[in-house]
Protein backbone atom coordinates (compact mmCIF):
# COMPACT_ATOMS: atom_id res chain seq x y z
CA MET A 1 -33.18 -28.87 12.36
CA SER A 2 -33.11 -25.11 12.98
CA SER A 3 -36.33 -23.26 13.63
CA LEU A 4 -37.82 -20.87 11.09
CA ALA A 5 -37.18 -17.90 13.38
CA ALA A 6 -33.50 -18.78 13.80
CA ILE A 7 -32.96 -19.22 10.05
CA LYS A 8 -34.77 -15.95 9.32
CA GLU A 9 -32.55 -14.15 11.83
CA ARG A 10 -29.43 -15.56 10.13
CA ILE A 11 -30.75 -14.44 6.72
CA GLN A 12 -31.24 -10.89 7.99
CA SER A 13 -27.74 -10.91 9.50
CA VAL A 14 -26.14 -12.09 6.24
CA GLU A 15 -28.12 -9.50 4.25
CA GLY A 16 -26.73 -6.77 6.53
CA ILE A 17 -23.18 -8.03 6.00
CA GLY A 18 -23.78 -8.06 2.25
CA GLN A 19 -24.91 -4.42 2.31
CA LEU A 20 -21.76 -3.49 4.25
CA THR A 21 -19.39 -5.32 1.89
CA ARG A 22 -21.05 -3.76 -1.17
CA ALA A 23 -20.69 -0.29 0.37
CA LEU A 24 -17.00 -0.87 1.17
CA GLN A 25 -16.45 -2.20 -2.34
CA ALA A 26 -18.02 0.92 -3.88
CA VAL A 27 -15.95 3.27 -1.70
CA SER A 28 -12.71 1.45 -2.50
CA SER A 29 -13.53 1.46 -6.21
CA SER A 30 -13.78 5.26 -6.27
CA GLN A 31 -10.61 5.60 -4.18
CA VAL A 32 -8.65 3.36 -6.57
CA ARG A 33 -9.35 5.70 -9.49
CA GLN A 34 -8.41 8.78 -7.46
CA PHE A 35 -5.06 7.47 -6.20
CA ARG A 36 -4.17 5.81 -9.50
CA LEU A 37 -4.59 9.11 -11.34
CA LEU A 38 -2.47 10.90 -8.73
CA ALA A 39 0.32 8.37 -9.23
CA GLU A 40 0.18 8.74 -13.01
CA GLU A 41 0.23 12.54 -12.83
CA THR A 42 3.44 12.62 -10.76
CA ASN A 43 5.49 10.43 -13.12
CA PRO A 44 6.43 13.20 -15.63
CA TYR A 45 7.59 15.53 -12.85
CA ILE A 46 9.74 12.82 -11.26
CA GLY A 47 11.32 12.11 -14.63
CA MET A 48 12.14 15.80 -15.08
CA ILE A 49 13.82 16.03 -11.67
CA ARG A 50 15.87 12.91 -12.36
CA GLU A 51 16.94 14.41 -15.67
CA VAL A 52 18.19 17.57 -13.99
CA ILE A 53 20.08 15.59 -11.34
CA GLY A 54 21.47 13.37 -14.07
CA ASP A 55 22.86 16.44 -15.84
CA VAL A 56 25.08 17.22 -12.85
CA TYR A 57 25.95 13.61 -12.06
CA ASN A 58 29.50 13.85 -13.41
CA GLU A 59 30.34 17.05 -11.55
CA ARG A 60 32.82 15.11 -9.41
CA GLU A 61 33.77 18.01 -7.19
CA PHE A 62 30.36 17.80 -5.53
CA TYR A 63 30.60 14.18 -4.44
CA ASP A 64 32.36 14.73 -1.12
CA GLU A 65 29.81 17.34 -0.06
CA PHE A 66 26.84 15.33 -1.34
CA PRO A 67 26.61 11.71 -0.20
CA ALA A 68 23.46 11.44 -2.32
CA LEU A 69 25.63 11.42 -5.46
CA SER A 70 28.35 9.13 -4.15
CA ASP A 71 28.68 5.49 -3.10
CA PRO A 72 26.93 4.42 0.14
CA ASP A 73 28.86 4.48 3.41
CA ASP A 74 28.87 0.88 4.65
CA SER A 75 29.88 1.93 8.16
CA LEU A 76 26.52 3.64 8.77
CA PRO A 77 23.13 2.04 9.52
CA VAL A 78 20.38 1.73 6.95
CA LEU A 79 16.99 3.47 7.13
CA ILE A 80 13.98 1.62 5.71
CA ILE A 81 10.68 3.40 5.04
CA PHE A 82 7.93 0.78 5.22
CA VAL A 83 4.59 1.66 3.59
CA SER A 84 1.71 -0.68 4.43
CA ALA A 85 -2.06 -0.66 4.90
CA ASP A 86 -3.82 1.75 7.20
CA ARG A 87 -6.89 -0.46 7.75
CA GLY A 88 -7.85 -4.10 7.55
CA LEU A 89 -10.17 -6.01 5.19
CA ALA A 90 -7.55 -5.80 2.43
CA GLY A 91 -6.91 -9.49 1.89
CA GLY A 92 -3.26 -10.47 1.69
CA TYR A 93 -2.01 -6.96 0.92
CA PRO A 94 -0.27 -6.29 4.29
CA ALA A 95 1.35 -9.74 4.37
CA ASN A 96 2.65 -9.43 0.80
CA VAL A 97 4.38 -6.09 1.34
CA PHE A 98 5.87 -7.33 4.62
CA GLN A 99 7.30 -10.29 2.74
CA ALA A 100 9.05 -7.81 0.43
CA LEU A 101 10.47 -6.14 3.54
CA THR A 102 11.85 -9.41 4.93
CA GLN A 103 13.46 -10.20 1.57
CA LEU A 104 15.18 -6.80 1.60
CA GLU A 105 16.33 -7.33 5.19
CA ARG A 106 18.05 -10.57 4.23
CA GLN A 107 20.01 -8.69 1.56
CA ILE A 108 21.26 -6.02 3.98
CA PRO A 109 23.56 -7.30 6.75
CA LYS A 110 24.02 -3.83 8.25
CA PRO A 111 22.10 -2.41 11.27
CA LYS A 112 18.65 -1.22 10.23
CA LYS A 113 16.24 1.42 11.49
CA TYR A 114 12.65 1.85 10.34
CA VAL A 115 10.05 4.48 9.55
CA SER A 116 6.46 3.25 9.26
CA VAL A 117 3.69 4.66 7.10
CA GLY A 118 0.34 2.99 7.77
CA LYS A 119 -1.06 1.65 11.04
CA ARG A 120 -0.80 -1.98 9.97
CA GLY A 121 2.83 -1.53 9.06
CA ARG A 122 3.60 0.07 12.42
CA GLU A 123 1.93 -2.82 14.25
CA MET A 124 3.91 -5.37 12.22
CA LEU A 125 7.23 -3.66 12.94
CA LEU A 126 6.57 -3.30 16.67
CA ARG A 127 5.29 -6.86 16.98
CA ARG A 128 8.51 -8.15 15.43
CA LYS A 129 10.75 -5.94 17.60
CA ARG A 130 12.12 -3.79 14.77
CA ASP A 131 13.94 -0.55 15.65
CA LEU A 132 11.18 1.94 14.80
CA VAL A 133 12.52 5.51 14.90
CA ALA A 134 9.48 7.35 13.51
CA ASP A 135 5.87 6.77 12.54
CA PHE A 136 4.12 8.74 9.79
CA SER A 137 0.85 6.81 9.65
CA GLN A 138 -1.04 10.07 9.11
CA LEU A 139 0.54 10.20 5.64
CA SER A 140 -1.27 7.02 4.59
CA SER A 141 -4.28 9.18 3.69
CA ALA A 142 -2.25 12.02 2.18
CA HIS A 143 -3.67 13.55 -0.97
CA SER A 144 -1.30 16.50 -1.23
CA PHE A 145 2.31 16.66 -2.31
CA TYR A 146 3.05 18.87 0.70
CA ASP A 147 1.73 16.28 3.17
CA VAL A 148 4.91 14.23 2.69
CA SER A 149 7.29 17.18 3.08
CA THR A 150 8.05 16.51 6.75
CA LEU A 151 9.15 12.94 6.12
CA ALA A 152 11.09 13.85 2.98
CA GLU A 153 12.88 16.67 4.80
CA MET A 154 13.74 14.43 7.75
CA VAL A 155 15.15 11.72 5.47
CA SER A 156 17.12 14.14 3.29
CA ARG A 157 18.74 15.99 6.19
CA ALA A 158 19.51 12.81 8.14
CA PHE A 159 21.20 11.29 5.11
CA GLN A 160 23.08 14.48 4.31
CA ALA A 161 24.28 14.58 7.94
CA ARG A 162 25.56 11.00 7.46
CA GLU A 163 23.23 9.50 10.05
CA TYR A 164 22.42 6.77 7.53
CA GLY A 165 24.49 5.22 4.79
CA GLU A 166 21.48 4.20 2.69
CA VAL A 167 17.74 4.83 2.64
CA TYR A 168 15.34 2.24 1.24
CA LEU A 169 11.64 2.38 0.47
CA VAL A 170 9.34 -0.67 0.66
CA TYR A 171 5.84 -0.28 -0.77
CA THR A 172 3.39 -1.82 -3.25
CA GLU A 173 3.36 -0.56 -6.83
CA TYR A 174 0.08 -0.35 -8.71
CA VAL A 175 0.55 -1.94 -12.14
CA SER A 176 -3.01 -2.92 -12.98
CA MET A 177 -6.19 -4.01 -11.24
CA GLY A 178 -4.97 -7.59 -11.24
CA LYS A 179 -1.29 -6.90 -10.58
CA LEU A 180 -0.16 -5.28 -7.33
CA THR A 181 3.60 -5.65 -7.03
CA PRO A 182 5.44 -5.30 -3.67
CA ARG A 183 8.68 -3.42 -4.31
CA SER A 184 11.79 -2.29 -2.53
CA LYS A 185 13.99 0.46 -3.94
CA ARG A 186 16.94 2.48 -2.74
CA LEU A 187 16.11 6.16 -2.35
CA LEU A 188 19.56 7.34 -1.28
CA PRO A 189 22.16 7.47 -2.71
CA LEU A 190 20.24 8.60 -5.77
CA MET A 191 21.86 6.47 -8.46
CA ASP A 192 19.20 3.74 -8.37
CA LEU A 193 16.49 6.36 -8.90
CA LEU A 194 18.46 7.92 -11.74
CA LYS A 195 18.79 4.54 -13.43
CA GLU A 196 15.00 4.16 -13.31
CA GLY A 197 14.80 7.29 -15.44
CA GLY A 198 16.70 5.67 -18.31
CA GLU A 199 18.17 8.27 -20.65
CA ALA A 200 16.80 10.99 -18.40
CA GLY A 201 18.93 9.68 -15.56
CA ALA A 202 22.21 7.83 -15.36
CA GLU A 203 22.59 7.19 -19.10
CA LYS A 204 22.21 10.85 -19.95
CA ALA A 205 24.56 11.71 -17.10
CA LYS A 206 27.30 9.67 -18.71
CA GLU A 207 26.99 11.78 -21.85
CA ALA A 208 27.42 15.03 -19.92
CA ARG A 209 30.85 16.65 -20.07
CA GLY A 210 30.74 19.22 -17.31
CA GLY A 211 28.58 21.64 -19.30
CA CYS A 212 26.31 22.62 -16.40
CA ILE A 213 26.07 26.30 -15.52
CA PHE A 214 24.68 27.02 -12.04
CA ASP A 215 22.88 30.19 -11.02
CA GLY A 216 23.79 30.61 -7.36
CA ASP A 217 25.39 28.08 -5.05
CA PRO A 218 25.67 24.73 -6.91
CA GLN A 219 25.79 22.78 -3.64
CA GLU A 220 22.56 24.35 -2.47
CA PHE A 221 21.02 23.65 -5.87
CA VAL A 222 21.93 19.96 -5.81
CA PHE A 223 20.67 19.55 -2.24
CA SER A 224 17.41 21.27 -3.18
CA MET A 225 16.92 18.98 -6.18
CA MET A 226 17.69 15.95 -4.04
CA ARG A 227 14.96 16.94 -1.57
CA ARG A 228 12.50 17.48 -4.41
CA CYS A 229 13.34 14.10 -5.90
CA ILE A 230 12.87 12.32 -2.58
CA ARG A 231 9.66 14.20 -1.86
CA MET A 232 8.09 13.36 -5.22
CA THR A 233 9.29 9.74 -5.12
CA LEU A 234 7.77 9.29 -1.66
CA PHE A 235 4.51 10.93 -2.72
CA ASN A 236 4.31 8.73 -5.81
CA ALA A 237 4.97 5.62 -3.71
CA PHE A 238 2.35 6.62 -1.13
CA VAL A 239 -0.46 7.21 -3.63
CA SER A 240 0.50 4.05 -5.54
CA ALA A 241 0.39 2.06 -2.29
CA LYS A 242 -3.01 3.56 -1.43
CA ALA A 243 -4.31 2.58 -4.87
CA CYS A 244 -3.08 -0.96 -4.17
CA GLU A 245 -4.64 -1.03 -0.71
CA HIS A 246 -8.04 0.05 -2.02
CA THR A 247 -7.77 -2.37 -4.94
CA ALA A 248 -7.03 -5.23 -2.55
CA ARG A 249 -9.92 -4.17 -0.33
CA MET A 250 -12.26 -3.81 -3.30
CA LEU A 251 -11.40 -7.33 -4.52
CA ALA A 252 -11.73 -8.74 -1.00
CA MET A 253 -15.12 -7.09 -0.51
CA ASN A 254 -16.25 -8.29 -3.93
CA GLN A 255 -15.39 -11.85 -2.92
CA ALA A 256 -17.11 -11.34 0.43
CA THR A 257 -20.23 -10.07 -1.36
CA GLU A 258 -20.26 -13.15 -3.58
CA ASN A 259 -19.90 -15.33 -0.50
CA THR A 260 -22.87 -13.63 1.17
CA LYS A 261 -24.97 -14.24 -1.96
CA LYS A 262 -24.07 -17.93 -1.90
CA LEU A 263 -24.77 -18.16 1.83
CA LEU A 264 -28.10 -16.37 1.36
CA GLY A 265 -29.03 -18.90 -1.30
CA ASP A 266 -28.20 -21.79 1.01
CA LEU A 267 -30.09 -20.24 3.93
CA THR A 268 -33.11 -19.46 1.74
CA LEU A 269 -33.18 -23.06 0.54
CA GLU A 270 -32.93 -24.30 4.13
CA PHE A 271 -35.68 -21.87 5.19
CA ASN A 272 -37.99 -23.13 2.44
CA ASN A 273 -37.28 -26.76 3.30
CA VAL A 274 -37.99 -26.18 6.99
CA ARG A 275 -41.17 -24.27 6.19
CA GLN A 276 -42.29 -26.98 3.77
CA GLN A 277 -41.59 -29.64 6.39
CA SER A 278 -43.52 -27.60 8.95
CA ILE A 279 -46.50 -27.30 6.61
CA THR A 280 -46.34 -31.01 5.83
CA ASN A 281 -46.28 -31.86 9.52
CA SER A 282 -49.26 -29.58 10.13
CA ILE A 283 -51.22 -31.26 7.32
CA LEU A 284 -50.34 -34.69 8.70
CA ASP A 285 -51.54 -33.62 12.15
CA ILE A 286 -54.84 -32.41 10.68
CA VAL A 287 -55.32 -35.58 8.63
CA THR A 288 -54.46 -37.77 11.60
CA GLY A 289 -56.87 -35.86 13.83
CA SER A 290 -59.64 -36.02 11.24
CA SER A 291 -59.14 -39.76 10.80
CA ALA A 292 -59.35 -40.29 14.54
CA MET A 293 -62.56 -38.27 14.78
CA MET A 294 -64.15 -40.20 11.90
CA LYS A 295 -63.37 -43.51 13.63
CA ASP A 296 -65.04 -42.27 16.76
């Protein structure tokens, strides 16, 4: 049986862990609200951009100059942007989003290159010998729309220069506190994004009859809108993924806190039993000694 001092030391250790898990849970809870609101605020702007691009979708003369509005080139490699966790203690969140990545990989037989966002994602890709061409882990804590501009610009120009035939994004979408959905979507060409916009995207584009009037160079306009669309889509995905990461961490820390409470209860019970046994033994020693003295 453990000594009272050893049990007391374990109780103090578990209490310290409980304080840490409660603090992490509180921090993640506040971060969830912040990133969830950011994701919700960007949705109307993304829909507006998709609507504008949808209006020029049937301007066929632009297709040769703009791969973003045409069918993908199967002779070129594919770029995959992988958004994962930046820190640990997030339960199964990193493993779940990586599973979405492996499912996407099985659907794409072409050569693939990768961009990582999040330290955990970078470690996963390097450990599995993926062709990592860039790392933007600093964006995993981005709060500003302009923080993602470098990545969006790199992706847009590389695709426009026909370095890649398709660009995919793998991340986790925040649906609700109890539903974090790993997703993969095609960023470029843009048609998949336009379809997500419903009538504001591809459906509205089909109704257009070449009625667009451009002020300035139409090619420059379309390229500019493409970059804006990619930038906002990436930003929305990043903040949604951060909301998911903090939600997963909050739930994991909540479970850890409950486990520490249960362990504290067990240790307290053990401490009381050992102390009671110690007191009983002391009483027995006194009684035994008294009996011996009385016999003498």
